[in-house]
Protein backbone atom coordinates (compact mmCIF):
# COMPACT_ATOMS: atom_id res chain seq x y z
CA MET A 1 304.54 122.69 35.09
CA THR A 2 306.43 120.87 32.40
CA ASP A 3 304.51 122.46 29.51
CA ASN A 4 303.93 126.23 29.41
CA SER A 5 301.73 126.25 26.29
CA ASN A 6 298.08 127.03 26.81
CA ASN A 7 295.38 124.45 26.26
CA CYS A 8 291.70 123.98 26.98
CA THR A 9 292.15 122.64 30.53
CA ASP A 10 293.93 125.74 31.91
CA PRO A 11 290.81 127.57 33.20
CA TYR A 12 289.85 124.58 35.37
CA LEU A 13 293.20 123.57 36.84
CA ASP A 14 292.89 125.74 39.96
CA SER A 15 289.52 124.31 40.98
CA PHE A 16 290.71 120.78 40.21
CA ALA A 17 293.82 121.33 42.34
CA GLN A 18 291.67 122.72 45.16
CA SER A 19 289.61 119.53 45.25
CA PHE A 20 292.79 117.55 45.95
CA ALA A 21 294.11 120.06 48.48
CA GLU A 22 290.88 119.76 50.46
CA ALA A 23 291.46 116.00 50.58
CA ASN A 24 294.96 116.52 52.11
CA TYR A 25 296.96 115.52 49.03
CA LYS A 26 300.58 116.66 49.13
CA PRO A 27 301.61 119.63 46.95
CA GLY A 28 304.04 117.51 44.93
CA THR A 29 301.32 114.99 44.15
CA ILE A 30 298.94 117.75 43.07
CA ARG A 31 301.58 119.20 40.73
CA ASN A 32 302.03 115.81 39.09
CA TYR A 33 298.27 115.48 38.63
CA LEU A 34 298.03 118.92 37.02
CA ASN A 35 300.84 118.10 34.59
CA LEU A 36 298.95 114.99 33.51
CA VAL A 37 295.71 116.95 33.13
CA ARG A 38 297.50 119.44 30.88
CA LYS A 39 298.70 116.48 28.82
CA LEU A 40 295.06 115.41 28.59
CA GLY A 41 294.23 118.96 27.45
CA GLY A 42 296.68 118.61 24.60
CA LEU A 43 295.02 115.38 23.51
CA MET A 44 291.61 117.07 23.69
CA ASP A 45 292.83 119.95 21.53
CA ASP A 46 294.22 117.55 18.94
CA ALA A 47 290.94 115.62 18.85
CA GLY A 48 288.81 118.77 18.77
CA ILE A 49 287.02 117.97 22.03
CA ALA A 50 285.94 120.99 24.07
CA PRO A 51 285.79 120.79 27.90
CA SER A 52 282.01 121.18 27.74
CA ALA A 53 281.80 118.04 25.60
CA LEU A 54 284.14 115.88 27.68
CA THR A 55 282.65 112.76 29.26
CA PRO A 56 284.34 110.21 31.55
CA ASP A 57 284.34 107.63 28.75
CA LEU A 58 285.83 110.09 26.26
CA ALA A 59 288.54 111.06 28.73
CA ASP A 60 289.30 107.41 29.41
CA GLY A 61 289.56 106.68 25.70
CA LEU A 62 292.02 109.54 25.15
CA ALA A 63 294.25 108.69 28.10
CA ARG A 64 294.26 104.90 28.11
CA PRO A 65 296.64 104.42 25.13
CA LEU A 66 299.25 106.48 27.00
CA ALA A 67 298.59 105.00 30.45
CA SER A 68 300.94 102.02 30.02
CA LYS A 69 303.70 104.28 28.65
CA SER A 70 303.65 106.64 31.63
CA ASP A 71 306.72 106.65 33.88
CA THR A 72 304.63 107.31 36.97
CA THR A 73 302.54 105.14 39.27
CA ILE A 74 299.53 107.40 38.64
CA ARG A 75 296.94 105.79 36.39
CA PHE A 76 296.50 108.38 33.67
CA HIS A 77 293.11 107.13 32.48
CA ASN A 78 291.70 107.13 36.03
CA LEU A 79 292.85 110.71 36.55
CA ALA A 80 291.36 111.68 33.18
CA ARG A 81 288.00 110.24 34.20
CA ARG A 82 288.20 112.13 37.47
CA PHE A 83 288.87 115.39 35.66
CA ALA A 84 285.84 114.80 33.44
CA GLU A 85 283.74 114.16 36.54
CA HIS A 86 285.10 117.40 38.03
CA LEU A 87 283.98 119.35 34.96
CA ILE A 88 280.51 117.86 35.37
CA ALA A 89 280.47 118.69 39.09
CA ILE A 90 281.27 122.39 38.47
CA GLY A 91 278.72 122.66 35.66
CA VAL A 92 281.11 122.97 32.71
CA ALA A 93 280.12 119.64 31.15
CA GLN A 94 276.81 117.79 31.29
CA PRO A 95 276.39 114.25 32.63
CA VAL A 96 275.63 111.59 30.06
CA PRO A 97 272.01 110.49 30.45
CA PRO A 98 271.69 106.77 31.24
CA THR A 99 270.43 104.49 28.52
CA GLU A 100 267.23 102.48 28.78
CA THR A 101 269.34 99.38 29.42
CA GLN A 102 271.26 101.05 32.25
CA ILE A 103 268.03 102.31 33.84
CA ALA A 104 266.51 98.82 33.76
CA ARG A 105 269.57 97.24 35.36
CA THR A 106 269.80 99.96 38.01
CA GLN A 107 266.16 99.46 38.97
CA LEU A 108 266.60 95.67 39.14
CA LEU A 109 269.68 95.89 41.37
CA ALA A 110 268.06 98.53 43.59
CA ASP A 111 265.07 96.25 44.20
CA TYR A 112 267.43 93.30 44.76
CA LYS A 113 269.40 95.32 47.32
CA ALA A 114 266.19 96.17 49.19
CA TYR A 115 265.28 92.47 49.16
CA LEU A 116 268.67 91.46 50.59
CA ALA A 117 268.45 94.00 53.40
CA GLY A 118 264.76 93.74 54.22
CA GLN A 119 263.92 90.07 53.70
CA ARG A 120 267.29 88.32 54.00
CA GLY A 121 268.74 90.59 56.69
CA LEU A 122 272.24 90.51 55.22
CA SER A 123 275.04 92.78 56.35
CA PRO A 124 276.18 95.69 54.12
CA ARG A 125 279.41 93.85 53.35
CA THR A 126 277.58 90.68 52.24
CA ILE A 127 275.10 92.75 50.23
CA TYR A 128 277.99 94.44 48.41
CA HIS A 129 279.51 91.10 47.33
CA THR A 130 276.13 89.56 46.47
CA LEU A 131 275.24 92.53 44.23
CA ARG A 132 278.66 92.38 42.61
CA PHE A 133 278.20 88.76 41.53
CA ALA A 134 274.67 89.47 40.27
CA ASN A 135 276.06 92.33 38.18
CA ARG A 136 278.85 90.14 36.83
CA PHE A 137 276.34 87.48 35.83
CA LEU A 138 274.26 90.07 33.97
CA ASP A 139 277.40 91.29 32.18
CA HIS A 140 278.28 87.72 31.22
CA ARG A 141 274.83 86.83 29.93
CA PHE A 142 273.61 90.09 28.36
CA GLY A 143 276.63 92.39 28.02
CA THR A 144 275.41 95.88 27.09
CA ALA A 145 272.15 94.60 25.58
CA MET A 146 268.77 94.98 27.25
CA ILE A 147 268.35 92.36 29.97
CA ASP A 148 265.56 89.84 29.49
CA LEU A 149 265.54 87.61 32.55
CA THR A 150 262.68 85.48 31.22
CA ARG A 151 265.16 84.02 28.73
CA LEU A 152 267.49 82.64 31.41
CA ARG A 153 268.17 78.93 31.35
CA ALA A 154 270.18 76.53 33.48
CA ALA A 155 272.93 76.47 30.84
CA ASP A 156 273.45 80.23 31.34
CA VAL A 157 274.03 79.75 35.05
CA ILE A 158 276.36 76.78 34.71
CA GLY A 159 278.29 78.51 31.93
CA PHE A 160 278.92 81.54 34.14
CA ILE A 161 280.18 79.38 37.01
CA GLN A 162 282.51 77.49 34.66
CA ASN A 163 283.81 80.81 33.36
CA LEU A 164 284.67 81.92 36.90
CA LEU A 165 286.27 78.66 37.95
CA THR A 166 288.46 78.38 34.85
CA GLY A 167 289.71 81.99 34.89
CA LYS A 168 293.22 83.18 35.60
CA GLN A 169 292.33 83.55 39.29
CA PRO A 170 289.66 80.89 39.97
CA TYR A 171 287.55 81.27 43.09
CA ARG A 172 288.51 78.84 45.80
CA ASP A 173 285.46 78.70 48.06
CA LYS A 174 281.68 78.40 48.16
CA THR A 175 280.83 82.11 48.03
CA VAL A 176 280.23 82.12 44.28
CA ALA A 177 277.52 79.46 44.50
CA THR A 178 275.98 81.04 47.60
CA HIS A 179 275.70 84.52 46.08
CA LEU A 180 274.28 83.20 42.82
CA ARG A 181 271.71 81.02 44.58
CA THR A 182 270.52 84.08 46.47
CA PHE A 183 270.11 86.03 43.23
CA PHE A 184 268.11 83.32 41.46
CA GLN A 185 265.97 82.72 44.55
CA TYR A 186 265.13 86.43 44.45
CA LEU A 187 264.21 86.28 40.76
CA PHE A 188 261.94 83.28 41.36
CA ALA A 189 260.34 84.85 44.45
CA ARG A 190 259.56 87.99 42.46
CA GLY A 191 258.02 85.93 39.64
CA ILE A 192 260.62 87.16 37.16
CA THR A 193 261.72 83.62 36.25
CA ALA A 194 259.31 80.73 35.82
CA THR A 195 261.64 78.23 37.50
CA ASN A 196 263.99 78.46 40.46
CA LEU A 197 267.37 78.42 38.73
CA ALA A 198 269.09 78.28 42.12
CA LEU A 199 268.37 74.54 42.12
CA CYS A 200 270.66 74.00 39.11
CA ILE A 201 273.75 75.37 40.86
CA PRO A 202 275.86 72.41 42.03
CA LYS A 203 277.14 72.25 45.56
CA LEU A 204 280.87 72.78 45.81
CA ALA A 205 283.04 70.27 47.60
CA LYS A 206 284.18 71.32 51.07
CA LYS A 207 287.51 69.58 51.24
CA TRP A 208 288.80 72.11 53.76
CA ALA A 209 286.28 70.89 56.37
CA ALA A 210 288.20 67.61 56.73
CA ARG A 211 291.57 69.12 57.63
CA LEU A 212 292.99 70.71 60.72
CA PRO A 213 292.60 74.49 61.01
CA ARG A 214 295.55 76.14 59.30
CA HIS A 215 297.56 78.06 61.87
CA LEU A 216 300.96 79.45 62.81
CA SER A 217 303.13 78.61 65.78
CA PRO A 218 303.38 81.16 68.61
CA ARG A 219 306.95 81.95 67.53
CA ALA A 220 305.83 82.54 63.95
CA VAL A 221 303.04 84.89 65.10
CA GLU A 222 305.50 86.97 67.13
CA ALA A 223 307.87 87.14 64.16
CA ILE A 224 305.05 88.44 61.95
CA LEU A 225 304.09 91.10 64.49
CA ALA A 226 307.70 92.25 64.75
CA SER A 227 308.08 92.36 60.97
CA ALA A 228 304.92 94.46 60.52
CA HIS A 229 306.11 96.85 63.23
CA SER A 230 309.42 97.42 61.43
CA ASN A 231 307.79 99.02 58.36
CA PRO A 232 309.12 102.61 58.37
CA ARG A 233 306.07 104.14 56.66
CA HIS A 234 303.07 102.53 58.33
CA GLY A 235 304.48 99.96 60.74
CA LEU A 236 302.58 101.25 63.77
CA ARG A 237 299.27 100.89 61.93
CA ASP A 238 300.04 97.44 60.54
CA HIS A 239 301.31 96.20 63.90
CA ALA A 240 298.19 97.40 65.73
CA MET A 241 295.88 95.79 63.17
CA LEU A 242 297.60 92.40 63.32
CA LEU A 243 297.86 92.59 67.11
CA LEU A 244 294.08 92.90 67.45
CA MET A 245 293.64 89.70 65.47
CA ALA A 246 296.48 87.80 67.12
CA ARG A 247 295.49 88.66 70.71
CA LEU A 248 291.70 89.14 70.54
CA GLY A 249 290.80 86.98 67.53
CA LEU A 250 289.14 89.80 65.60
CA ARG A 251 288.15 89.20 61.98
CA ALA A 252 289.57 91.48 59.29
CA PRO A 253 286.24 93.29 58.64
CA GLU A 254 285.90 93.88 62.39
CA VAL A 255 289.32 95.53 62.51
CA ILE A 256 288.48 97.75 59.54
CA ALA A 257 285.14 98.71 61.12
CA ILE A 258 286.63 100.09 64.37
CA GLN A 259 285.75 103.76 64.92
CA LEU A 260 287.61 106.21 67.15
CA GLU A 261 284.71 106.31 69.59
CA ASP A 262 284.67 102.51 69.92
CA ILE A 263 287.54 102.58 72.43
CA ASP A 264 286.74 103.42 76.05
CA TRP A 265 290.16 104.41 77.34
CA ARG A 266 288.98 104.75 80.93
CA THR A 267 287.60 101.23 81.25
CA GLY A 268 290.00 99.67 78.76
CA GLU A 269 287.29 98.24 76.52
CA LEU A 270 286.85 97.94 72.77
CA LEU A 271 283.48 97.82 71.01
CA VAL A 272 283.63 95.17 68.27
CA ARG A 273 281.15 95.47 65.40
CA GLY A 274 280.74 91.79 64.63
CA LYS A 275 278.91 89.65 62.10
CA GLY A 276 275.17 89.97 61.73
CA GLY A 277 275.13 93.48 63.20
CA LEU A 278 276.00 92.14 66.67
CA HIS A 279 278.23 94.18 68.96
CA ASP A 280 280.52 92.93 71.71
CA ARG A 281 282.78 94.62 74.24
CA LEU A 282 286.23 93.17 74.76
CA PRO A 283 288.90 94.20 77.27
CA ILE A 284 292.11 95.51 75.73
CA SER A 285 295.45 94.73 77.34
CA ASP A 286 298.24 97.21 78.01
CA GLU A 287 300.04 95.86 74.94
CA ILE A 288 297.08 96.59 72.65
CA GLY A 289 296.35 99.94 74.28
CA THR A 290 299.94 101.04 73.84
CA ALA A 291 300.00 99.96 70.18
CA LEU A 292 296.78 101.84 69.42
CA SER A 293 297.82 105.03 71.23
CA ARG A 294 301.22 105.12 69.52
CA TYR A 295 299.58 104.73 66.13
CA LEU A 296 297.11 107.54 66.86
CA ARG A 297 299.74 109.93 68.19
CA GLU A 298 302.64 109.26 65.86
CA GLU A 299 301.42 107.93 62.52
CA ARG A 300 297.75 108.50 61.75
CA GLY A 301 297.26 111.31 59.21
CA GLU A 302 295.14 114.39 59.74
CA THR A 303 291.62 113.64 58.57
CA CYS A 304 288.01 114.04 59.57
CA CYS A 305 287.45 110.30 58.96
CA ARG A 306 286.24 108.56 62.14
CA ALA A 307 287.64 105.14 61.23
CA MET A 308 290.51 104.04 63.49
CA PHE A 309 292.65 102.63 60.68
CA ILE A 310 293.01 104.67 57.50
CA THR A 311 295.17 104.75 54.39
CA TYR A 312 298.64 106.22 54.78
CA ARG A 313 298.30 108.19 51.55
CA ALA A 314 296.00 111.13 50.95
CA PRO A 315 293.10 111.29 50.93
CA TYR A 316 293.31 109.67 54.36
CA ARG A 317 290.21 107.50 54.41
CA GLU A 318 288.93 104.18 55.69
CA PHE A 319 289.54 100.93 53.84
CA LYS A 320 286.72 99.60 51.69
CA ASP A 321 287.26 95.98 52.83
CA GLY A 322 289.56 93.70 54.81
CA GLN A 323 291.86 92.81 51.90
CA ILE A 324 294.44 95.26 53.25
CA VAL A 325 294.92 92.94 56.24
CA ASN A 326 295.60 89.98 53.97
CA THR A 327 298.20 92.05 52.13
CA ILE A 328 299.91 93.10 55.37
CA LEU A 329 299.98 89.51 56.59
CA ARG A 330 301.29 88.17 53.28
CA ASP A 331 304.09 90.78 53.20
CA ALA A 332 305.05 89.98 56.79
CA LEU A 333 305.26 86.26 56.05
CA LYS A 334 307.46 86.96 53.04
CA ALA A 335 309.71 89.31 55.02
CA THR A 336 310.26 86.70 57.74
CA GLY A 337 310.93 83.92 55.23
CA GLN A 338 308.03 81.80 56.47
CA LYS A 339 306.01 79.50 54.25
CA PRO A 340 302.28 80.21 54.60
CA PRO A 341 300.29 77.28 56.02
CA THR A 342 297.88 77.59 53.09
CA PRO A 343 298.34 78.87 49.51
CA TYR A 344 295.73 81.57 50.10
CA VAL A 345 297.02 83.89 52.84
CA GLY A 346 293.95 85.11 54.71
CA SER A 347 293.62 87.00 57.96
CA HIS A 348 291.80 84.05 59.58
CA ILE A 349 295.21 82.40 59.98
CA LEU A 350 295.81 84.59 63.03
CA ARG A 351 292.36 83.79 64.41
CA HIS A 352 293.01 80.06 63.98
CA SER A 353 296.44 80.49 65.56
CA LEU A 354 294.93 82.09 68.66
CA ALA A 355 292.38 79.28 69.01
CA THR A 356 295.12 76.69 68.58
CA GLN A 357 297.20 78.29 71.32
CA LEU A 358 294.19 78.26 73.64
CA VAL A 359 293.44 74.58 72.98
CA ASN A 360 297.09 73.60 73.47
CA ALA A 361 297.10 75.53 76.75
CA GLY A 362 294.18 73.46 78.02
CA ALA A 363 291.25 75.77 77.29
CA SER A 364 287.85 74.15 76.79
CA LEU A 365 285.88 74.49 73.58
CA ASP A 366 283.40 76.71 75.40
CA GLU A 367 286.22 79.05 76.39
CA VAL A 368 287.54 79.09 72.83
CA GLY A 369 284.06 79.83 71.49
CA ASP A 370 283.64 82.70 73.96
CA MET A 371 287.02 84.15 72.99
CA LEU A 372 286.21 84.01 69.27
CA ARG A 373 282.61 85.17 69.88
CA HIS A 374 281.06 82.22 68.07
CA ARG A 375 277.25 82.23 68.04
CA SER A 376 277.08 78.50 67.35
CA ARG A 377 279.00 75.70 69.03
CA SER A 378 279.36 74.00 65.66
CA SER A 379 281.71 76.81 64.61
CA THR A 380 284.01 75.95 67.50
CA MET A 381 283.95 72.18 66.95
CA ILE A 382 286.59 72.38 64.23
CA TYR A 383 289.14 73.04 66.97
CA ALA A 384 288.27 69.75 68.70
CA ARG A 385 290.53 68.08 66.13
CA LEU A 386 293.50 69.90 67.62
CA ASP A 387 293.23 68.00 70.91
CA ILE A 388 295.15 64.97 69.62
CA ASP A 389 295.72 63.45 73.08
CA GLY A 390 292.05 63.75 73.95
CA LEU A 391 291.01 62.17 70.66
CA ARG A 392 293.52 59.36 71.16
CA SER A 393 291.99 58.51 74.53
CA ILE A 394 288.57 57.82 73.02
CA ALA A 395 289.73 56.12 69.83
CA GLN A 396 288.51 52.53 69.42
CA PRO A 397 290.94 49.69 68.61
CA TRP A 398 291.21 48.84 64.92
CA PRO A 399 289.41 45.54 64.18
CA VAL A 400 291.44 42.70 62.73
CA GLU A 401 290.54 39.49 60.91
CA GLY A 402 288.85 36.93 63.08
CA GLY A 403 287.36 39.43 65.47
CA GLY A 404 290.56 40.01 67.48
CA GLN A 405 291.91 43.42 68.41
């Protein structure tokens, strides 16, 4: 340790270190964490805060002014909050009782979650994002004050949408409007609001529906796969993840959702946990099988987590969403010097690229839909625009003045 003086955190350092050791953190990382906790202890001593009185918010307030000055990648204030939570878990400190406002919001969101799952039948991933936007709206409208949903007006809804769309990172698609409509439909159905405020949310333009699917050439896809494979720290994992999307057309959430038991090595099949809770079985080629087995044998960390793809840093756990795939793809494009076909680099680029290759090779739309596991033919129709020769054969002559052609 860098500081040998005693402070109030010393009696709890061993148990705190043990919690990280059980999660497979490296000894060097644990030592760094303990040094930071002892720095927190010095701040607590100076402020006269005993360990029994420490709360996550207090710890955050003490550590945050020093977080930006730290010469480490560890977020000091996050670690401070975690130490406070550890003291609560071992019974040294007491949890802060929720306020009446927090209880009311928790009850509202719990009922809303039950509504989304029971009456709307949404997937856990969609429920997570829908709840997040509802919570953000409540923060925007009421802040920390008691929520009074009977006071909501159309101006509140439109003001929140304008705030999102004019931010530093404005939302680019229709999900904001969709999630908010669901929330206000719920409030109206429950009789909480007198009017259906979902009707005041304007429909967003769908300019992307008029363009060709954004895709990469076969050569560009192979260059991306090779670049991901060359990463010395987690190249086998990244390569296997991108390969599943490039060869089988899997969506990013489907790749993240793969469990170890989803692969039948004897029959060469992969269970895909798709949208809407639907499951499919797809054959895996020798190329995919080899990539997966190499990752499992040579790179995957020791963990009890059953997810196929996990973080490369301790604690080795599954990813919370598919954003990791977007990051891998964006880094690979940058490494190969390629310009992305769209400003927003999303994992669907590889899915569109596979469909484009199939259409160019002469596959029918039904075959493309089967490969991508579309439940509706309308989802596959966007790829009809790629068949330029076929569209040219049915195009009508352009009329000219006088009725001639």
